[in-house]
């Protein structure tokens, strides 16, 4: 003899499954904090790409400053273009240090 039970509705079953998975994820995150603070898998690639881009752009920035300086020297462009170029390159290449400095100011 088999006993029949009322079938559960799919919505209730899905809600219970979501709650169980949420509870399980919270449990794993509290028991194993290493999983909760795992590093981003793209962090290594992004750091490598940033370093490679910096290595390629460094000589180009020097050439650009020389070209803009010569153009300003011969009166083809205003001297503020040279100043703006230098400030832009300083901000571009020093962005990591500037962000670290500002975060240190605000204690973040």
C-alpha atoms as a PDB file:
ATOM      1  CA  UNK A   1       0.000   0.000   0.000  1.00  0.00           C
ATOM      2  CA  UNK A   2       1.388   3.377  -1.013  1.00  0.00           C
ATOM      3  CA  UNK A   3       0.577   6.590   0.715  1.00  0.00           C
ATOM      4  CA  UNK A   4      -0.035   9.548  -1.534  1.00  0.00           C
ATOM      5  CA  UNK A   5       0.856  12.977  -0.352  1.00  0.00           C
ATOM      6  CA  UNK A   6      -0.205  16.232  -1.873  1.00  0.00           C
ATOM      7  CA  UNK A   7       2.413  17.415  -4.351  1.00  0.00           C
ATOM      8  CA  UNK A   8       4.137  20.652  -3.485  1.00  0.00           C
ATOM      9  CA  UNK A   9       3.691  23.550  -5.822  1.00  0.00           C
ATOM     10  CA  UNK A  10       6.776  24.425  -7.878  1.00  0.00           C
ATOM     11  CA  UNK A  11       6.883  27.996  -6.518  1.00  0.00           C
ATOM     12  CA  UNK A  12       7.071  26.843  -2.929  1.00  0.00           C
ATOM     13  CA  UNK A  13       9.750  24.294  -3.755  1.00  0.00           C
ATOM     14  CA  UNK A  14      11.844  26.917  -5.567  1.00  0.00           C
ATOM     15  CA  UNK A  15      11.508  29.353  -2.676  1.00  0.00           C
ATOM     16  CA  UNK A  16      12.622  26.689  -0.198  1.00  0.00           C
ATOM     17  CA  UNK A  17      15.582  25.774  -2.420  1.00  0.00           C
ATOM     18  CA  UNK A  18      16.654  29.415  -2.686  1.00  0.00           C
ATOM     19  CA  UNK A  19      16.484  29.845   1.072  1.00  0.00           C
ATOM     20  CA  UNK A  20      18.502  26.695   1.648  1.00  0.00           C
ATOM     21  CA  UNK A  21      21.160  27.765  -0.842  1.00  0.00           C
ATOM     22  CA  UNK A  22      21.301  31.231   0.721  1.00  0.00           C
ATOM     23  CA  UNK A  23      21.674  29.714   4.174  1.00  0.00           C
ATOM     24  CA  UNK A  24      24.368  27.360   2.904  1.00  0.00           C
ATOM     25  CA  UNK A  25      26.292  30.244   1.271  1.00  0.00           C
ATOM     26  CA  UNK A  26      26.105  32.307   4.474  1.00  0.00           C
ATOM     27  CA  UNK A  27      27.251  29.316   6.502  1.00  0.00           C
ATOM     28  CA  UNK A  28      30.228  28.672   4.220  1.00  0.00           C
ATOM     29  CA  UNK A  29      31.157  32.378   4.269  1.00  0.00           C
ATOM     30  CA  UNK A  30      31.184  32.468   8.072  1.00  0.00           C
ATOM     31  CA  UNK A  31      32.893  29.141   8.629  1.00  0.00           C
ATOM     32  CA  UNK A  32      35.479  29.613   5.884  1.00  0.00           C
ATOM     33  CA  UNK A  33      36.266  33.345   5.624  1.00  0.00           C
ATOM     34  CA  UNK A  34      38.889  32.565   2.977  1.00  0.00           C
ATOM     35  CA  UNK A  35      36.062  31.872   0.519  1.00  0.00           C
ATOM     36  CA  UNK A  36      34.329  35.122   1.411  1.00  0.00           C
ATOM     37  CA  UNK A  37      37.476  37.185   0.830  1.00  0.00           C
ATOM     38  CA  UNK A  38      38.745  35.400  -2.253  1.00  0.00           C
ATOM     39  CA  UNK A  39      40.477  37.613  -4.760  1.00  0.00           C
ATOM     40  CA  UNK A  40      38.967  38.600  -8.033  1.00  0.00           C
ATOM     41  CA  UNK A  41      40.031  36.169 -10.778  1.00  0.00           C
ATOM     42  CA  UNK A  42      40.603  39.063 -13.173  1.00  0.00           C
ATOM     43  CA  UNK A  43      42.826  41.013 -10.763  1.00  0.00           C
ATOM     44  CA  UNK A  44      46.027  39.328 -11.929  1.00  0.00           C
ATOM     45  CA  UNK A  45      45.258  39.956 -15.588  1.00  0.00           C
ATOM     46  CA  UNK A  46      44.254  43.556 -14.974  1.00  0.00           C
ATOM     47  CA  UNK A  47      47.452  44.213 -13.021  1.00  0.00           C
ATOM     48  CA  UNK A  48      49.546  42.661 -15.789  1.00  0.00           C
ATOM     49  CA  UNK A  49      47.744  44.655 -18.471  1.00  0.00           C
ATOM     50  CA  UNK A  50      48.255  47.861 -16.491  1.00  0.00           C
ATOM     51  CA  UNK A  51      51.970  47.183 -16.129  1.00  0.00           C
ATOM     52  CA  UNK A  52      52.363  46.356 -19.821  1.00  0.00           C
ATOM     53  CA  UNK A  53      50.445  49.450 -20.889  1.00  0.00           C
ATOM     54  CA  UNK A  54      52.574  51.603 -18.599  1.00  0.00           C
ATOM     55  CA  UNK A  55      55.755  50.123 -20.069  1.00  0.00           C
ATOM     56  CA  UNK A  56      54.587  50.848 -23.636  1.00  0.00           C
ATOM     57  CA  UNK A  57      53.317  54.375 -22.962  1.00  0.00           C
ATOM     58  CA  UNK A  58      56.368  55.627 -21.054  1.00  0.00           C
ATOM     59  CA  UNK A  59      58.574  56.204 -24.123  1.00  0.00           C
ATOM     60  CA  UNK A  60      55.607  57.580 -26.077  1.00  0.00           C
ATOM     61  CA  UNK A  61      54.987  60.136 -23.336  1.00  0.00           C
ATOM     62  CA  UNK A  62      58.599  61.291 -23.535  1.00  0.00           C
ATOM     63  CA  UNK A  63      58.397  61.642 -27.311  1.00  0.00           C
ATOM     64  CA  UNK A  64      55.094  63.527 -27.013  1.00  0.00           C
ATOM     65  CA  UNK A  65      56.610  66.003 -24.536  1.00  0.00           C
ATOM     66  CA  UNK A  66      59.549  66.593 -26.885  1.00  0.00           C
ATOM     67  CA  UNK A  67      57.244  67.144 -29.872  1.00  0.00           C
ATOM     68  CA  UNK A  68      54.929  69.500 -28.008  1.00  0.00           C
ATOM     69  CA  UNK A  69      57.942  71.367 -26.578  1.00  0.00           C
ATOM     70  CA  UNK A  70      59.389  71.871 -30.058  1.00  0.00           C
ATOM     71  CA  UNK A  71      56.031  73.032 -31.416  1.00  0.00           C
ATOM     72  CA  UNK A  72      55.736  75.535 -28.562  1.00  0.00           C
ATOM     73  CA  UNK A  73      59.343  76.653 -29.048  1.00  0.00           C
ATOM     74  CA  UNK A  74      58.756  77.451 -32.725  1.00  0.00           C
ATOM     75  CA  UNK A  75      55.502  79.225 -31.945  1.00  0.00           C
ATOM     76  CA  UNK A  76      53.147  76.758 -33.595  1.00  0.00           C
ATOM     77  CA  UNK A  77      51.125  76.138 -30.423  1.00  0.00           C
ATOM     78  CA  UNK A  78      50.683  77.983 -27.155  1.00  0.00           C
ATOM     79  CA  UNK A  79      52.944  77.119 -24.212  1.00  0.00           C
ATOM     80  CA  UNK A  80      49.928  76.072 -22.146  1.00  0.00           C
ATOM     81  CA  UNK A  81      49.632  73.005 -24.377  1.00  0.00           C
ATOM     82  CA  UNK A  82      53.043  71.926 -23.089  1.00  0.00           C
ATOM     83  CA  UNK A  83      52.049  72.598 -19.483  1.00  0.00           C
ATOM     84  CA  UNK A  84      48.744  70.763 -19.977  1.00  0.00           C
ATOM     85  CA  UNK A  85      50.521  67.808 -21.560  1.00  0.00           C
ATOM     86  CA  UNK A  86      52.951  67.536 -18.668  1.00  0.00           C
ATOM     87  CA  UNK A  87      50.165  67.776 -16.072  1.00  0.00           C
ATOM     88  CA  UNK A  88      48.117  65.152 -17.941  1.00  0.00           C
ATOM     89  CA  UNK A  89      51.036  62.741 -18.128  1.00  0.00           C
ATOM     90  CA  UNK A  90      51.795  63.238 -14.436  1.00  0.00           C
ATOM     91  CA  UNK A  91      48.168  62.493 -13.565  1.00  0.00           C
ATOM     92  CA  UNK A  92      48.063  59.489 -15.889  1.00  0.00           C
ATOM     93  CA  UNK A  93      51.227  57.832 -14.665  1.00  0.00           C
ATOM     94  CA  UNK A  94      50.820  58.852 -11.036  1.00  0.00           C
ATOM     95  CA  UNK A  95      47.195  57.809 -10.681  1.00  0.00           C
ATOM     96  CA  UNK A  96      47.940  54.816  -8.432  1.00  0.00           C
ATOM     97  CA  UNK A  97      50.000  56.905  -6.042  1.00  0.00           C
ATOM     98  CA  UNK A  98      47.447  59.728  -6.082  1.00  0.00           C
ATOM     99  CA  UNK A  99      44.585  57.352  -5.255  1.00  0.00           C
ATOM    100  CA  UNK A 100      46.610  55.788  -2.434  1.00  0.00           C
ATOM    101  CA  UNK A 101      47.433  59.234  -1.078  1.00  0.00           C
ATOM    102  CA  UNK A 102      43.805  60.416  -1.160  1.00  0.00           C
ATOM    103  CA  UNK A 103      42.565  57.195   0.439  1.00  0.00           C
ATOM    104  CA  UNK A 104      45.143  57.709   3.178  1.00  0.00           C
ATOM    105  CA  UNK A 105      43.887  61.243   3.766  1.00  0.00           C
ATOM    106  CA  UNK A 106      40.344  60.025   4.370  1.00  0.00           C
ATOM    107  CA  UNK A 107      41.340  56.883   6.239  1.00  0.00           C
ATOM    108  CA  UNK A 108      39.766  54.481   3.750  1.00  0.00           C
END
